[in-house]
Protein backbone atom coordinates (compact mmCIF):
# COMPACT_ATOMS: atom_id res chain seq x y z
CA UNK A 1 6.30 6.08 -22.72
CA UNK A 2 8.39 8.66 -21.20
CA UNK A 3 6.85 9.54 -17.45
CA UNK A 4 5.07 12.92 -17.12
CA UNK A 5 7.24 14.78 -14.88
CA UNK A 6 10.26 13.92 -17.69
CA UNK A 7 7.98 15.31 -20.42
CA UNK A 8 7.05 18.19 -18.62
CA UNK A 9 10.89 19.33 -18.24
CA UNK A 10 11.15 18.43 -21.80
CA UNK A 11 8.63 19.95 -22.94
CA UNK A 12 8.06 23.96 -22.27
CA UNK A 13 5.51 26.41 -23.00
CA UNK A 14 7.18 29.53 -24.21
CA UNK A 15 4.72 31.50 -25.17
CA UNK A 16 1.24 31.67 -26.93
CA UNK A 17 1.18 33.58 -30.12
CA UNK A 18 -1.94 33.04 -31.21
CA UNK A 19 -5.50 32.44 -29.92
CA UNK A 20 -5.22 28.42 -30.95
CA UNK A 21 -1.70 27.69 -31.34
CA UNK A 22 0.40 27.01 -28.70
CA UNK A 23 4.37 27.47 -29.33
CA UNK A 24 6.12 24.35 -27.56
CA UNK A 25 9.81 24.24 -27.26
CA UNK A 26 11.22 20.45 -27.02
CA UNK A 27 14.54 20.44 -25.25
CA UNK A 28 15.53 18.15 -28.17
CA UNK A 29 18.92 17.17 -26.16
CA UNK A 30 16.89 16.02 -22.64
CA UNK A 31 14.88 14.07 -25.15
CA UNK A 32 17.33 12.30 -26.67
CA UNK A 33 18.51 11.32 -22.58
CA UNK A 34 15.61 10.25 -21.65
CA UNK A 35 15.37 7.96 -24.44
CA UNK A 36 18.44 6.88 -23.46
CA UNK A 37 20.38 8.25 -26.99
CA UNK A 38 22.54 10.70 -25.21
CA UNK A 39 25.65 8.45 -26.79
CA UNK A 40 25.28 5.63 -29.41
CA UNK A 41 27.83 3.45 -30.70
CA UNK A 42 28.61 2.83 -33.90
CA UNK A 43 31.16 1.09 -35.54
CA UNK A 44 32.95 1.94 -38.36
CA UNK A 45 33.91 -0.68 -41.27
CA UNK A 46 37.10 -0.20 -43.13
CA UNK A 47 36.45 2.79 -45.98
CA UNK A 48 33.93 4.50 -43.32
CA UNK A 49 33.76 7.61 -41.45
CA UNK A 50 31.21 9.40 -39.88
CA UNK A 51 28.72 11.33 -41.52
CA UNK A 52 29.66 14.68 -41.31
CA UNK A 53 26.73 16.12 -42.14
CA UNK A 54 24.61 14.72 -39.03
CA UNK A 55 27.73 13.45 -37.21
CA UNK A 56 26.96 9.85 -36.80
CA UNK A 57 23.23 10.52 -35.65
CA UNK A 58 21.32 9.85 -38.97
CA UNK A 59 19.45 12.71 -37.80
CA UNK A 60 18.59 16.13 -39.43
CA UNK A 61 16.15 18.54 -38.56
CA UNK A 62 13.15 19.84 -41.02
CA UNK A 63 11.52 22.67 -40.18
CA UNK A 64 7.75 23.75 -42.48
CA UNK A 65 6.79 26.74 -41.81
CA UNK A 66 2.35 27.10 -42.19
CA UNK A 67 -0.09 29.92 -41.27
CA UNK A 68 -3.33 29.97 -40.22
CA UNK A 69 -6.55 31.75 -42.03
CA UNK A 70 -7.48 34.72 -40.20
CA UNK A 71 -6.97 38.48 -41.19
CA UNK A 72 -4.71 39.35 -37.93
CA UNK A 73 -2.37 36.74 -39.47
CA UNK A 74 0.14 37.61 -42.32
CA UNK A 75 3.16 35.53 -43.85
CA UNK A 76 4.04 32.18 -42.43
CA UNK A 77 4.80 32.51 -38.73
CA UNK A 78 4.37 29.31 -37.43
CA UNK A 79 6.39 25.85 -38.20
CA UNK A 80 6.64 22.26 -37.70
CA UNK A 81 9.97 21.12 -36.82
CA UNK A 82 10.94 17.22 -36.21
CA UNK A 83 13.88 14.85 -36.79
CA UNK A 84 14.34 13.05 -40.07
CA UNK A 85 17.01 10.59 -40.83
CA UNK A 86 19.69 12.23 -42.57
CA UNK A 87 19.36 12.00 -46.65
CA UNK A 88 23.16 11.97 -47.01
CA UNK A 89 24.78 8.84 -45.62
CA UNK A 90 23.72 5.37 -44.22
CA UNK A 91 22.99 4.73 -40.36
CA UNK A 92 25.71 7.77 -39.57
CA UNK A 93 28.10 6.26 -41.55
CA UNK A 94 29.84 7.39 -45.29
CA UNK A 95 31.94 5.77 -47.25
CA UNK A 96 35.35 7.06 -48.09
CA UNK A 97 37.06 6.66 -51.48
CA UNK A 98 40.02 4.99 -51.39
CA UNK A 99 41.74 6.58 -54.27
CA UNK A 100 40.96 10.68 -52.61
CA UNK A 101 40.01 10.40 -49.47
CA UNK A 102 36.77 12.30 -49.89
CA UNK A 103 33.40 10.96 -48.12
CA UNK A 104 30.57 9.87 -50.75
CA UNK A 105 27.40 10.43 -50.16
CA UNK A 106 24.99 7.71 -49.97
CA UNK A 107 23.60 6.70 -53.44
CA UNK A 108 26.51 8.37 -55.40
CA UNK A 109 29.98 7.61 -56.49
CA UNK A 110 33.49 9.39 -56.26
CA UNK A 111 34.06 11.25 -59.38
CA UNK A 112 38.08 11.26 -59.05
CA UNK A 113 40.02 10.03 -61.35
CA UNK A 114 41.12 6.80 -59.48
CA UNK A 115 37.48 5.48 -58.87
CA UNK A 116 36.34 5.86 -62.72
CA UNK A 117 39.64 4.17 -63.59
CA UNK A 118 38.57 1.52 -61.11
CA UNK A 119 35.02 1.08 -61.98
CA UNK A 120 35.56 1.43 -65.80
CA UNK A 121 38.08 -1.82 -65.45
CA UNK A 122 35.39 -3.47 -63.51
CA UNK A 123 32.77 -3.06 -66.21
CA UNK A 124 35.48 -4.17 -68.63
CA UNK A 125 36.35 -7.50 -66.95
CA UNK A 126 32.22 -8.49 -66.43
CA UNK A 127 31.96 -7.63 -70.33
CA UNK A 128 35.09 -9.48 -71.09
CA UNK A 129 33.51 -12.66 -68.50
CA UNK A 130 30.14 -12.42 -70.19
CA UNK A 131 31.75 -12.47 -73.89
CA UNK A 132 33.76 -15.90 -72.85
CA UNK A 133 30.59 -17.55 -71.49
CA UNK A 134 28.63 -16.97 -74.85
CA UNK A 135 28.31 -19.50 -77.54
CA UNK A 136 29.75 -18.81 -81.21
CA UNK A 137 28.36 -20.14 -84.54
CA UNK A 138 29.61 -20.20 -88.52
CA UNK A 139 27.79 -17.80 -90.66
CA UNK A 140 26.19 -20.75 -91.90
CA UNK A 141 24.54 -22.17 -89.15
CA UNK A 142 22.59 -18.87 -88.80
CA UNK A 143 19.35 -18.74 -90.07
CA UNK A 144 18.20 -15.11 -90.46
CA UNK A 145 19.38 -12.29 -92.60
CA UNK A 146 20.32 -9.80 -90.35
CA UNK A 147 22.49 -9.46 -87.02
CA UNK A 148 23.36 -7.22 -84.43
CA UNK A 149 26.78 -4.95 -84.82
CA UNK A 150 27.80 -1.96 -83.43
CA UNK A 151 24.11 -1.65 -81.84
CA UNK A 152 22.29 -1.74 -85.31
CA UNK A 153 20.82 -4.40 -87.24
CA UNK A 154 22.38 -5.18 -90.07
CA UNK A 155 22.11 -7.72 -93.22
CA UNK A 156 24.64 -10.86 -93.02
CA UNK A 157 25.92 -10.61 -96.05
CA UNK A 158 26.74 -7.19 -96.46
CA UNK A 159 29.05 -7.49 -92.98
CA UNK A 160 30.95 -10.55 -93.88
CA UNK A 161 31.76 -8.33 -97.28
CA UNK A 162 33.42 -5.89 -95.00
CA UNK A 163 35.21 -8.18 -93.49
CA UNK A 164 36.51 -9.92 -96.41
CA UNK A 165 37.39 -6.58 -97.85
CA UNK A 166 39.66 -6.24 -94.54
CA UNK A 167 37.40 -3.92 -92.41
CA UNK A 168 36.97 -4.89 -88.71
CA UNK A 169 33.49 -5.19 -87.96
CA UNK A 170 33.87 -5.36 -84.60
CA UNK A 171 31.62 -8.38 -82.66
CA UNK A 172 28.78 -10.08 -84.60
CA UNK A 173 25.41 -11.37 -82.52
CA UNK A 174 23.11 -13.23 -83.55
CA UNK A 175 19.36 -12.06 -83.36
CA UNK A 176 16.09 -13.74 -83.00
CA UNK A 177 13.06 -13.29 -84.87
CA UNK A 178 10.16 -12.65 -83.31
CA UNK A 179 6.52 -11.71 -84.32
CA UNK A 180 4.72 -9.02 -82.32
CA UNK A 181 1.07 -9.55 -81.89
CA UNK A 182 -0.36 -6.63 -83.15
CA UNK A 183 -3.38 -7.73 -84.53
CA UNK A 184 -6.50 -6.21 -82.83
CA UNK A 185 -7.82 -8.14 -80.10
CA UNK A 186 -11.92 -8.68 -79.90
CA UNK A 187 -11.75 -9.04 -76.36
CA UNK A 188 -10.65 -5.48 -76.09
CA UNK A 189 -12.89 -3.86 -78.25
CA UNK A 190 -16.10 -5.46 -76.73
CA UNK A 191 -14.63 -4.21 -72.98
CA UNK A 192 -14.01 -1.03 -74.33
CA UNK A 193 -17.79 -1.11 -75.54
CA UNK A 194 -19.10 -2.17 -72.50
CA UNK A 195 -16.57 0.11 -70.38
CA UNK A 196 -18.21 3.36 -72.45
CA UNK A 197 -21.75 2.24 -72.14
CA UNK A 198 -21.44 1.97 -68.49
CA UNK A 199 -19.90 5.78 -68.38
CA UNK A 200 -22.53 7.16 -70.71
CA UNK A 201 -25.45 5.46 -69.12
CA UNK A 202 -24.01 4.63 -65.69
CA UNK A 203 -25.33 0.81 -66.66
CA UNK A 204 -23.02 -1.58 -67.25
CA UNK A 205 -26.12 -3.93 -68.67
CA UNK A 206 -27.43 -2.05 -71.55
CA UNK A 207 -25.36 -3.71 -73.95
CA UNK A 208 -25.37 -7.08 -74.59
CA UNK A 209 -23.65 -9.23 -77.21
CA UNK A 210 -25.09 -12.40 -79.07
CA UNK A 211 -23.51 -15.74 -79.13
CA UNK A 212 -20.32 -15.43 -81.37
CA UNK A 213 -20.47 -11.90 -81.26
CA UNK A 214 -16.49 -12.18 -80.05
CA UNK A 215 -15.82 -15.24 -82.90
CA UNK A 216 -17.31 -12.70 -85.55
CA UNK A 217 -15.84 -10.04 -84.49
CA UNK A 218 -12.28 -11.54 -84.22
CA UNK A 219 -12.48 -12.64 -87.67
CA UNK A 220 -13.27 -9.49 -89.62
CA UNK A 221 -10.32 -7.76 -87.89
CA UNK A 222 -7.75 -10.79 -88.99
CA UNK A 223 -8.82 -9.85 -92.13
CA UNK A 224 -8.84 -6.14 -91.79
CA UNK A 225 -4.88 -6.59 -90.49
CA UNK A 226 -4.17 -9.16 -92.97
CA UNK A 227 -5.05 -6.95 -96.04
CA UNK A 228 -3.98 -3.49 -94.87
CA UNK A 229 -0.98 -3.84 -92.25
CA UNK A 230 2.35 -4.58 -92.86
CA UNK A 231 4.69 -5.26 -89.89
CA UNK A 232 8.28 -5.26 -90.51
CA UNK A 233 10.89 -7.88 -89.29
CA UNK A 234 11.66 -7.46 -85.60
CA UNK A 235 14.72 -8.64 -84.73
CA UNK A 236 16.36 -9.01 -80.60
CA UNK A 237 20.14 -9.36 -80.58
CA UNK A 238 20.97 -12.65 -78.30
CA UNK A 239 24.11 -13.83 -76.39
CA UNK A 240 25.12 -15.64 -79.21
CA UNK A 241 28.20 -14.87 -81.39
CA UNK A 242 28.85 -15.30 -85.43
CA UNK A 243 32.09 -15.27 -86.03
CA UNK A 244 32.92 -13.61 -89.20
CA UNK A 245 36.19 -14.75 -90.52
CA UNK A 246 38.74 -11.57 -91.52
CA UNK A 247 40.01 -10.94 -94.86
CA UNK A 248 43.05 -13.52 -95.34
CA UNK A 249 46.72 -12.18 -95.74
CA UNK A 250 48.73 -12.05 -98.83
CA UNK A 251 50.85 -15.14 -97.04
CA UNK A 252 47.68 -16.82 -96.56
CA UNK A 253 46.03 -16.47 -100.35
CA UNK A 254 49.36 -17.78 -101.63
CA UNK A 255 48.92 -21.04 -99.84
């Protein structure tokens, strides 16, 4: 804690601007010295520079205006001012783009052509590495009807026909067939009834269910769902590539 005499030197009562509001002006420079912050050391790594907004302090001033109730007060004459962390940098440091030498704010990416091209190259390399690690199977080894091609689900037979006609079908991914659990659950229905009873009557025990109630309700729900609901097949792409043979050339067919 800063000693009283130092605090008094730093905080000066400048004026009384309202019967309940005292405006105190704080010498921020002296306050920094009191906390031994008159000078700080920042070791910059390659590709870094001091933040041009906070000049390496990682601080910025915030000013919030406010008012008090009363006929003699108009507008927002009072203020809270304090220091908070700089939102533009990381601990007073900011990255410098190696392609254009411009500073890049925290959480941002440089949009110069060189930086964009580099990021695209990295993404292409990552995707190539991901594809290289995938398992490959033949169409005969695949058990389902649909596959994932060019961000849509298609019938495998149609994709094979297009490939045989000489079209470039692109990357064909195997899919996993899932069966979503969409049937209503008896526990959920009973819980909703109990919650509503509590909301309406402020008593959670006003309603009760006999033995076997949940099982009987679930049987009714299962029968209703089977008779009246149709659930389409739901596919998810997997990390397995289906190798579709391209159309044979005239030379290959002649052989």
